[in-house]
Amino acid sequence: MTDLIHMLRDWMPKQRWYSGGEGRAPQLTHLGSYVLANPNGEAGVHLVTVPCILDSSGDEPVVYQVPTVLREVDARVPALGYIGSISNASGRVSAVVDGPHDIAFAKALLTLLEREGHAPGAGGRSDIAAYGLPMPGAVVGSFVTSRVLSGEQSNTSIICEMRLPDGSDAAPLILKVFRMLHDGENPEVTLQSALAAAGSVRVPPAIGHLSGYWPDPRARDGRASGNFVFAQEFLPGVEDAWRVALRAAETGDDFGDAAYTLGEATAEVHRTLREVLPSVESTVPKVQAEVAAMRQRLDAAIAVAPALERLRGAAEEVYAHAADMHWPRLQRVHGDLHLGQVLAVQDRGWVFLDFEGEPLRTIEQRNTADAPQRDIAGILRSFDYVAGSLEMTTGRNVAGDWAARARQSFLNGYA
């Protein structure tokens, strides 16, 4: 494991999901590993293991999971996932591959989910383990192949092509591997599973999740628990609402009907979440804390863009009004909603993704009941970003009126 830690110190800072500061050397500690069975005796594979690594280099320690596959050096080794080479006591050299880039890891995850399996700690350790927890009634085909979805920042998603027993194509799956581990339920798992279980068509069907526990010196009893992987159906060949809206704004096409139905769909998601998950009354301390957070964000924004100082007075009036008014009942919401988190799916309408919440918030904050208006504001702001994007490319305001109409249509649909 010492050799692997040395390799990861060089490799992890180059990955998009690594949150350490630029130029800061990782300070890595191996907390433990859970081991996945090599499915169907995948040729050339010696071991499929998932080390949990504590990085203490930043202001706040971070725990990562780094799935690895040990392969024979003369076997097929994915170039994108190559981490390095390692020798065992007998001198046998193996290539260390980043798990999501190796089909052996994808196969092992699916097998664990389908069988509701248990992945124990390496060397018989009992302080770390993972469990496959399938959704009731979830049916998947047989594995064909897998690839990594490009462009992600904080997680790594694996797209799995599947096949039915009659040889026809089954719905593909997406396995989202949470690179950063948090002590507590990931809202992505909680919210999408709850919506799927309620029969909502506003999220892709959930397949299940891999959850477990690992050693963590920051946890109260020295052991943390949470989610490792979330599995759901993948919707190929679809566009997100950002691309659809941007194209409409570029051509001057009216987006009113689309924005209206997006408002309806957002209200539907909020209504379902309110029905299936607990909601709470707004308390004075909660309101005070939220208004204080608003003021902190204003200060941070002005520090970056001093020209915003001229808006401080108007913003403070809004904050003062918010502090005095009666707040609505708080419930679970998306938490980071914008046009890029919504897909336009033929015959289904708008489908929502990525319920992890705002990345800058703690896992406790993201798992707390919130005001639905946070999601509404996120979409309204996103329409304004469409207009701003076109203004940056054309040098003039060409979509301000378009964005205003889209915002009003969205609000009408939500209402």
Protein backbone atom coordinates (compact mmCIF):
# COMPACT_ATOMS: atom_id res chain seq x y z
CA MET A 1 0.00 0.00 0.00
CA THR A 2 2.97 2.32 0.55
CA ASP A 3 3.85 2.12 -3.16
CA LEU A 4 0.26 2.95 -4.11
CA ILE A 5 0.22 5.99 -1.82
CA HIS A 6 3.38 7.29 -3.49
CA MET A 7 1.81 6.86 -6.93
CA LEU A 8 -1.41 8.56 -5.86
CA ARG A 9 0.48 11.59 -4.56
CA ASP A 10 1.58 12.30 -8.13
CA TRP A 11 -1.60 11.12 -9.86
CA MET A 12 -4.46 12.55 -7.78
CA PRO A 13 -3.63 16.28 -8.19
CA LYS A 14 -4.00 15.83 -11.98
CA GLN A 15 -7.59 14.58 -11.67
CA ARG A 16 -10.52 16.98 -12.09
CA TRP A 17 -12.28 15.60 -9.01
CA TYR A 18 -9.33 16.34 -6.70
CA SER A 19 -10.17 19.36 -4.54
CA GLY A 20 -6.69 20.15 -3.17
CA GLY A 21 -5.20 23.56 -3.84
CA GLU A 22 -3.02 24.15 -6.88
CA GLY A 23 0.63 23.57 -6.13
CA ARG A 24 -0.14 21.97 -2.77
CA ALA A 25 1.35 18.50 -2.29
CA PRO A 26 -1.21 15.91 -1.09
CA GLN A 27 -0.68 14.47 2.39
CA LEU A 28 -2.26 11.05 2.00
CA THR A 29 -3.11 8.40 4.59
CA HIS A 30 -4.62 5.01 3.71
CA LEU A 31 -7.71 4.48 5.88
CA GLY A 32 -8.66 1.07 4.53
CA SER A 33 -9.94 -0.71 1.43
CA TYR A 34 -12.96 -2.79 0.51
CA VAL A 35 -12.48 -5.56 -2.04
CA LEU A 36 -14.75 -6.47 -4.95
CA ALA A 37 -14.86 -9.96 -6.41
CA ASN A 38 -13.39 -10.28 -9.91
CA PRO A 39 -16.57 -11.02 -11.88
CA ASN A 40 -16.55 -14.01 -14.21
CA GLY A 41 -12.82 -14.37 -13.75
CA GLU A 42 -11.99 -11.33 -15.91
CA ALA A 43 -8.77 -12.23 -17.72
CA GLY A 44 -5.62 -10.51 -16.55
CA VAL A 45 -7.16 -9.08 -13.38
CA HIS A 46 -5.44 -9.81 -10.06
CA LEU A 47 -7.49 -7.63 -7.72
CA VAL A 48 -10.34 -5.09 -7.72
CA THR A 49 -10.08 -2.96 -4.60
CA VAL A 50 -11.28 0.46 -3.44
CA PRO A 51 -8.88 2.26 -1.08
CA CYS A 52 -10.25 5.12 1.03
CA ILE A 53 -7.62 7.84 1.23
CA LEU A 54 -7.50 10.76 3.69
CA ASP A 55 -5.89 13.93 2.31
CA SER A 56 -4.78 16.30 5.08
CA SER A 57 -3.10 18.92 2.90
CA GLY A 58 -5.97 21.44 2.91
CA ASP A 59 -7.67 23.49 5.58
CA GLU A 60 -10.23 20.68 5.98
CA PRO A 61 -9.24 16.99 5.59
CA VAL A 62 -10.97 15.20 2.71
CA VAL A 63 -11.63 11.48 2.27
CA TYR A 64 -11.51 10.11 -1.29
CA GLN A 65 -12.29 6.70 -2.68
CA VAL A 66 -9.90 5.64 -5.44
CA PRO A 67 -11.10 2.39 -7.08
CA THR A 68 -8.18 0.42 -8.48
CA VAL A 69 -7.78 -2.65 -10.65
CA LEU A 70 -4.52 -4.59 -10.66
CA ARG A 71 -3.92 -6.00 -14.14
CA GLU A 72 -1.16 -8.01 -15.74
CA VAL A 73 1.20 -5.60 -17.46
CA ASP A 74 0.84 -7.48 -20.75
CA ALA A 75 -2.99 -7.43 -20.57
CA ARG A 76 -5.19 -4.69 -22.01
CA VAL A 77 -4.59 -1.65 -19.79
CA PRO A 78 -6.78 1.43 -20.39
CA ALA A 79 -4.44 4.29 -21.26
CA LEU A 80 -6.64 6.98 -19.67
CA GLY A 81 -6.87 5.13 -16.37
CA TYR A 82 -3.24 4.09 -15.92
CA ILE A 83 -1.88 5.14 -12.53
CA GLY A 84 1.41 3.25 -12.37
CA SER A 85 2.98 -0.17 -11.82
CA ILE A 86 3.48 -2.09 -8.61
CA SER A 87 5.40 -5.24 -7.61
CA ASN A 88 4.35 -7.87 -5.09
CA ALA A 89 6.62 -9.90 -2.79
CA SER A 90 7.31 -12.48 -5.52
CA GLY A 91 8.39 -9.78 -7.96
CA ARG A 92 5.30 -9.97 -10.18
CA VAL A 93 4.59 -6.57 -11.72
CA SER A 94 1.01 -5.35 -12.14
CA ALA A 95 -0.44 -2.24 -13.72
CA VAL A 96 -2.57 -0.12 -11.38
CA VAL A 97 -5.63 1.16 -13.24
CA ASP A 98 -8.19 3.73 -12.10
CA GLY A 99 -11.24 1.51 -11.59
CA PRO A 100 -13.90 3.47 -13.54
CA HIS A 101 -11.77 3.12 -16.69
CA ASP A 102 -11.61 -0.69 -16.36
CA ILE A 103 -14.58 -2.91 -17.26
CA ALA A 104 -13.69 -5.28 -14.40
CA PHE A 105 -14.65 -2.60 -11.88
CA ALA A 106 -17.96 -1.82 -13.63
CA LYS A 107 -18.80 -5.53 -13.78
CA ALA A 108 -17.98 -5.97 -10.10
CA LEU A 109 -20.19 -3.04 -9.09
CA LEU A 110 -23.16 -4.32 -11.09
CA THR A 111 -22.76 -7.82 -9.68
CA LEU A 112 -22.71 -6.44 -6.14
CA LEU A 113 -25.84 -4.39 -6.78
CA GLU A 114 -27.80 -7.15 -8.49
CA ARG A 115 -27.02 -9.71 -5.80
CA GLU A 116 -27.37 -7.28 -2.88
CA GLY A 117 -23.82 -8.31 -2.07
CA HIS A 118 -21.28 -7.46 0.60
CA ALA A 119 -17.74 -6.26 -0.13
CA PRO A 120 -15.58 -6.83 2.97
CA GLY A 121 -12.45 -5.00 4.02
CA ALA A 122 -9.09 -6.09 2.65
CA GLY A 123 -7.23 -8.59 4.79
CA GLY A 124 -10.33 -9.39 6.83
CA ARG A 125 -10.67 -5.87 8.27
CA SER A 126 -14.07 -5.31 9.85
CA ASP A 127 -13.90 -1.51 10.12
CA ILE A 128 -14.59 -1.00 6.40
CA ALA A 129 -17.14 -2.61 4.10
CA ALA A 130 -19.57 -1.86 1.27
CA TYR A 131 -23.05 -3.17 0.57
CA GLY A 132 -25.01 -3.32 -2.69
CA LEU A 133 -28.54 -2.03 -2.08
CA PRO A 134 -30.77 -2.48 -5.18
CA MET A 135 -34.06 -0.65 -5.62
CA PRO A 136 -37.05 -2.97 -5.18
CA GLY A 137 -38.15 -4.28 -8.55
CA ALA A 138 -35.13 -2.93 -10.42
CA VAL A 139 -34.27 -5.12 -13.42
CA VAL A 140 -31.10 -4.75 -15.47
CA GLY A 141 -29.76 -6.63 -18.44
CA SER A 142 -26.41 -8.34 -18.77
CA PHE A 143 -23.23 -6.26 -19.00
CA VAL A 144 -21.76 -5.62 -22.47
CA THR A 145 -19.17 -2.88 -22.05
CA SER A 146 -18.52 0.39 -20.22
CA ARG A 147 -16.96 3.81 -20.68
CA VAL A 148 -16.34 6.88 -18.51
CA LEU A 149 -18.51 9.95 -19.05
CA SER A 150 -16.24 12.92 -19.79
CA GLY A 151 -16.53 16.45 -18.47
CA GLU A 152 -17.43 15.79 -14.82
CA GLN A 153 -15.78 17.76 -12.05
CA SER A 154 -16.37 16.20 -8.64
CA ASN A 155 -17.46 12.63 -9.45
CA THR A 156 -16.78 9.95 -12.04
CA SER A 157 -19.67 8.36 -13.93
CA ILE A 158 -19.48 5.05 -15.78
CA ILE A 159 -21.87 4.41 -18.68
CA CYS A 160 -22.69 0.69 -18.96
CA GLU A 161 -24.20 -0.78 -22.12
CA MET A 162 -26.55 -3.64 -21.25
CA ARG A 163 -28.28 -6.48 -23.14
CA LEU A 164 -31.52 -8.41 -22.54
CA PRO A 165 -31.65 -12.23 -22.55
CA ASP A 166 -33.16 -12.22 -26.07
CA GLY A 167 -30.10 -10.36 -27.37
CA SER A 168 -31.77 -6.96 -27.76
CA ASP A 169 -30.35 -3.82 -26.19
CA ALA A 170 -31.45 -3.02 -22.64
CA ALA A 171 -31.56 0.48 -21.19
CA PRO A 172 -27.99 1.65 -20.50
CA LEU A 173 -27.02 2.41 -16.91
CA ILE A 174 -24.93 5.13 -15.31
CA LEU A 175 -22.89 4.36 -12.20
CA LYS A 176 -21.94 7.58 -10.42
CA VAL A 177 -18.83 7.02 -8.32
CA PHE A 178 -18.62 9.60 -5.53
CA ARG A 179 -14.93 10.47 -5.35
CA MET A 180 -15.23 12.54 -2.16
CA LEU A 181 -16.77 10.60 0.71
CA HIS A 182 -19.00 12.25 3.31
CA ASP A 183 -20.16 10.97 6.66
CA GLY A 184 -23.91 10.95 6.03
CA GLU A 185 -26.42 10.18 3.31
CA ASN A 186 -25.69 11.78 -0.06
CA PRO A 187 -28.79 13.77 -1.14
CA GLU A 188 -28.35 12.45 -4.68
CA VAL A 189 -29.21 8.99 -3.36
CA THR A 190 -31.90 10.12 -0.92
CA LEU A 191 -33.84 12.42 -3.23
CA GLN A 192 -33.64 10.56 -6.53
CA SER A 193 -34.42 7.23 -4.86
CA ALA A 194 -37.43 8.79 -3.10
CA LEU A 195 -38.72 10.33 -6.34
CA ALA A 196 -38.19 7.10 -8.30
CA ALA A 197 -39.89 5.02 -5.59
CA ALA A 198 -42.86 7.41 -5.74
CA GLY A 199 -43.22 6.68 -9.46
CA SER A 200 -42.04 10.11 -10.63
CA VAL A 201 -41.09 10.32 -14.30
CA ARG A 202 -39.14 13.51 -13.57
CA VAL A 203 -35.99 11.54 -12.70
CA PRO A 204 -34.32 8.57 -14.41
CA PRO A 205 -35.33 5.22 -12.86
CA ALA A 206 -33.02 4.40 -9.94
CA ILE A 207 -31.31 1.00 -9.88
CA GLY A 208 -29.68 1.10 -6.45
CA HIS A 209 -26.63 2.27 -4.55
CA LEU A 210 -23.45 1.01 -2.96
CA SER A 211 -23.11 2.21 0.62
CA GLY A 212 -20.98 1.30 3.60
CA TYR A 213 -18.60 2.52 6.25
CA TRP A 214 -14.92 3.35 6.60
CA PRO A 215 -12.46 4.51 9.29
CA ASP A 216 -12.46 8.27 9.76
CA PRO A 217 -10.64 9.95 12.65
CA ARG A 218 -13.02 12.92 12.43
CA ALA A 219 -16.12 10.81 13.10
CA ARG A 220 -17.50 10.60 16.62
CA ASP A 221 -16.80 6.86 17.03
CA GLY A 222 -13.91 6.79 14.58
CA ARG A 223 -16.05 5.31 11.81
CA ALA A 224 -17.99 7.17 9.12
CA SER A 225 -20.76 5.84 6.90
CA GLY A 226 -22.23 7.01 3.63
CA ASN A 227 -22.67 6.34 -0.07
CA PHE A 228 -20.00 5.12 -2.47
CA VAL A 229 -21.87 4.70 -5.77
CA PHE A 230 -25.34 5.52 -7.15
CA ALA A 231 -26.81 3.62 -10.12
CA GLN A 232 -29.65 4.72 -12.37
CA GLU A 233 -30.78 4.44 -15.98
CA PHE A 234 -28.84 6.52 -18.49
CA LEU A 235 -30.71 8.62 -21.04
CA PRO A 236 -28.58 8.72 -24.21
CA GLY A 237 -28.90 11.14 -27.09
CA VAL A 238 -30.69 13.89 -25.17
CA GLU A 239 -29.87 17.56 -24.64
CA ASP A 240 -29.95 19.54 -21.43
CA ALA A 241 -32.23 22.55 -21.05
CA TRP A 242 -29.26 24.93 -21.24
CA ARG A 243 -28.43 23.89 -24.81
CA VAL A 244 -32.10 23.93 -25.83
CA ALA A 245 -32.63 27.41 -24.34
CA LEU A 246 -29.37 28.82 -25.72
CA ARG A 247 -30.23 27.66 -29.24
CA ALA A 248 -33.70 29.21 -28.96
CA ALA A 249 -32.24 32.51 -27.74
CA GLU A 250 -29.65 32.55 -30.54
CA THR A 251 -32.33 32.15 -33.21
CA GLY A 252 -34.88 34.34 -31.45
CA ASP A 253 -37.37 31.48 -31.11
CA ASP A 254 -39.97 31.89 -28.41
CA PHE A 255 -39.25 29.74 -25.34
CA GLY A 256 -42.45 30.56 -23.50
CA ASP A 257 -44.17 27.17 -23.80
CA ALA A 258 -40.98 25.28 -22.91
CA ALA A 259 -40.34 27.53 -19.89
CA TYR A 260 -43.95 27.12 -18.78
CA THR A 261 -43.74 23.31 -18.83
CA LEU A 262 -40.38 23.51 -17.03
CA GLY A 263 -42.10 25.50 -14.31
CA GLU A 264 -44.83 22.87 -14.09
CA ALA A 265 -42.23 20.08 -13.88
CA THR A 266 -40.29 21.89 -11.13
CA ALA A 267 -43.47 22.32 -9.10
CA GLU A 268 -44.25 18.63 -9.61
CA VAL A 269 -40.85 17.60 -8.25
CA HIS A 270 -41.28 19.89 -5.22
CA ARG A 271 -44.77 18.55 -4.58
CA THR A 272 -43.58 14.93 -4.69
CA LEU A 273 -40.63 15.61 -2.40
CA ARG A 274 -42.95 17.36 0.05
CA GLU A 275 -45.25 14.32 0.05
CA VAL A 276 -42.64 11.59 0.49
CA LEU A 277 -40.00 13.26 2.68
CA PRO A 278 -40.33 15.22 5.95
CA SER A 279 -40.87 18.98 5.92
CA VAL A 280 -40.48 21.41 8.82
CA GLU A 281 -41.70 24.81 9.90
CA SER A 282 -39.31 27.74 9.47
CA THR A 283 -37.83 28.75 12.81
CA VAL A 284 -36.45 32.16 13.78
CA PRO A 285 -32.85 30.82 14.12
CA LYS A 286 -33.12 29.15 10.69
CA VAL A 287 -34.33 32.37 9.05
CA GLN A 288 -31.62 34.39 10.80
CA ALA A 289 -28.95 31.96 9.66
CA GLU A 290 -30.16 32.04 6.04
CA VAL A 291 -30.27 35.85 5.94
CA ALA A 292 -26.78 36.00 7.47
CA ALA A 293 -25.58 33.63 4.74
CA MET A 294 -27.11 35.94 2.10
CA ARG A 295 -25.18 38.89 3.49
CA GLN A 296 -21.96 36.86 3.55
CA ARG A 297 -22.43 35.95 -0.09
CA LEU A 298 -23.00 39.58 -0.98
CA ASP A 299 -19.76 40.54 0.76
CA ALA A 300 -17.90 37.77 -1.06
CA ALA A 301 -19.35 38.82 -4.42
CA ILE A 302 -18.42 42.48 -3.90
CA ALA A 303 -14.89 41.45 -2.92
CA VAL A 304 -14.54 39.73 -6.31
CA ALA A 305 -16.49 42.33 -8.34
CA PRO A 306 -16.32 45.75 -6.57
CA ALA A 307 -18.74 47.23 -9.12
CA LEU A 308 -21.51 45.37 -7.28
CA GLU A 309 -21.09 47.75 -4.33
CA ARG A 310 -23.65 50.07 -5.92
CA LEU A 311 -26.28 47.34 -5.42
CA ARG A 312 -25.58 46.81 -1.72
CA GLY A 313 -28.31 49.16 -0.52
CA ALA A 314 -31.01 47.51 -2.67
CA ALA A 315 -29.85 44.04 -1.61
CA GLU A 316 -29.88 44.97 2.07
CA GLU A 317 -33.49 46.14 1.71
CA VAL A 318 -34.43 42.72 0.36
CA TYR A 319 -32.52 40.97 3.16
CA ALA A 320 -34.23 43.08 5.80
CA HIS A 321 -37.62 42.23 4.31
CA ALA A 322 -36.70 38.54 4.22
CA ALA A 323 -35.73 38.63 7.90
CA ASP A 324 -39.11 40.10 8.91
CA MET A 325 -41.49 38.12 6.68
CA HIS A 326 -43.17 34.76 7.35
CA TRP A 327 -41.20 32.03 5.58
CA PRO A 328 -42.91 29.03 3.96
CA ARG A 329 -42.65 25.52 5.35
CA LEU A 330 -39.23 24.09 4.53
CA GLN A 331 -38.80 20.84 2.60
CA ARG A 332 -36.20 18.88 0.62
CA VAL A 333 -35.30 20.55 -2.69
CA HIS A 334 -32.82 20.02 -5.52
CA GLY A 335 -30.48 22.60 -4.01
CA ASP A 336 -28.37 23.40 -7.10
CA LEU A 337 -30.96 23.70 -9.84
CA HIS A 338 -30.13 25.34 -13.17
CA LEU A 339 -30.81 24.63 -16.84
CA GLY A 340 -27.81 22.32 -17.09
CA GLN A 341 -29.37 19.98 -14.51
CA VAL A 342 -32.49 19.31 -16.61
CA LEU A 343 -32.80 17.08 -19.68
CA ALA A 344 -35.29 17.44 -22.53
CA VAL A 345 -36.47 13.85 -23.08
CA GLN A 346 -38.80 12.97 -25.92
CA ASP A 347 -42.16 11.57 -24.79
CA ARG A 348 -41.29 12.33 -21.14
CA GLY A 349 -40.70 16.05 -21.05
CA TRP A 350 -38.25 17.55 -18.54
CA VAL A 351 -36.15 15.15 -16.45
CA PHE A 352 -34.04 16.38 -13.51
CA LEU A 353 -30.52 15.24 -12.59
CA ASP A 354 -27.77 15.73 -10.01
CA PHE A 355 -29.57 16.16 -6.71
CA GLU A 356 -26.31 16.37 -4.73
CA GLY A 357 -26.98 20.01 -3.85
CA GLU A 358 -24.61 22.96 -3.98
CA PRO A 359 -21.02 21.66 -3.80
CA LEU A 360 -19.83 24.51 -1.54
CA ARG A 361 -22.33 23.53 1.16
CA THR A 362 -21.56 20.85 3.76
CA ILE A 363 -23.30 17.49 3.59
CA GLU A 364 -25.33 18.48 6.67
CA GLN A 365 -26.54 21.67 4.97
CA ARG A 366 -27.38 19.80 1.77
CA ASN A 367 -29.44 17.27 3.75
CA THR A 368 -31.45 19.98 5.53
CA ALA A 369 -34.96 21.07 4.58
CA ASP A 370 -34.83 24.27 2.54
CA ALA A 371 -37.09 26.77 0.79
CA PRO A 372 -38.36 25.71 -2.67
CA GLN A 373 -37.65 29.28 -3.76
CA ARG A 374 -33.95 28.36 -3.86
CA ASP A 375 -34.60 26.11 -6.86
CA ILE A 376 -36.90 28.68 -8.48
CA ALA A 377 -34.21 31.35 -8.17
CA GLY A 378 -31.65 28.97 -9.68
CA ILE A 379 -33.70 28.55 -12.86
CA LEU A 380 -34.50 32.27 -13.12
CA ARG A 381 -30.81 33.09 -12.81
CA SER A 382 -29.99 30.44 -15.41
CA PHE A 383 -32.25 32.13 -17.98
CA ASP A 384 -30.36 35.35 -17.32
CA TYR A 385 -27.09 33.46 -17.90
CA VAL A 386 -28.37 32.49 -21.36
CA ALA A 387 -28.82 36.17 -22.19
CA GLY A 388 -25.46 37.02 -20.62
CA SER A 389 -23.70 34.31 -22.63
CA LEU A 390 -25.03 35.71 -25.89
CA GLU A 391 -24.12 39.25 -24.83
CA MET A 392 -20.54 38.13 -24.25
CA THR A 393 -20.30 36.51 -27.69
CA THR A 394 -22.07 39.28 -29.65
CA GLY A 395 -20.99 42.31 -27.64
CA ARG A 396 -24.57 43.57 -27.25
CA ASN A 397 -27.76 42.72 -25.41
CA VAL A 398 -29.65 40.54 -27.89
CA ALA A 399 -31.66 38.31 -25.54
CA GLY A 400 -32.61 40.43 -22.54
CA ASP A 401 -36.28 40.53 -23.51
CA TRP A 402 -36.18 36.83 -24.42
CA ALA A 403 -34.88 35.99 -20.93
CA ALA A 404 -37.50 38.18 -19.24
CA ARG A 405 -40.32 36.40 -21.11
CA ALA A 406 -38.83 32.99 -20.29
CA ARG A 407 -38.60 33.86 -16.59
CA GLN A 408 -42.23 35.00 -16.46
CA SER A 409 -43.43 31.90 -18.33
CA PHE A 410 -41.51 29.68 -15.92
CA LEU A 411 -43.11 31.41 -12.93
CA ASN A 412 -46.55 31.10 -14.50
CA GLY A 413 -46.04 27.40 -15.06
CA TYR A 414 -44.78 26.85 -11.53
CA ALA A 415 -47.75 28.75 -10.10
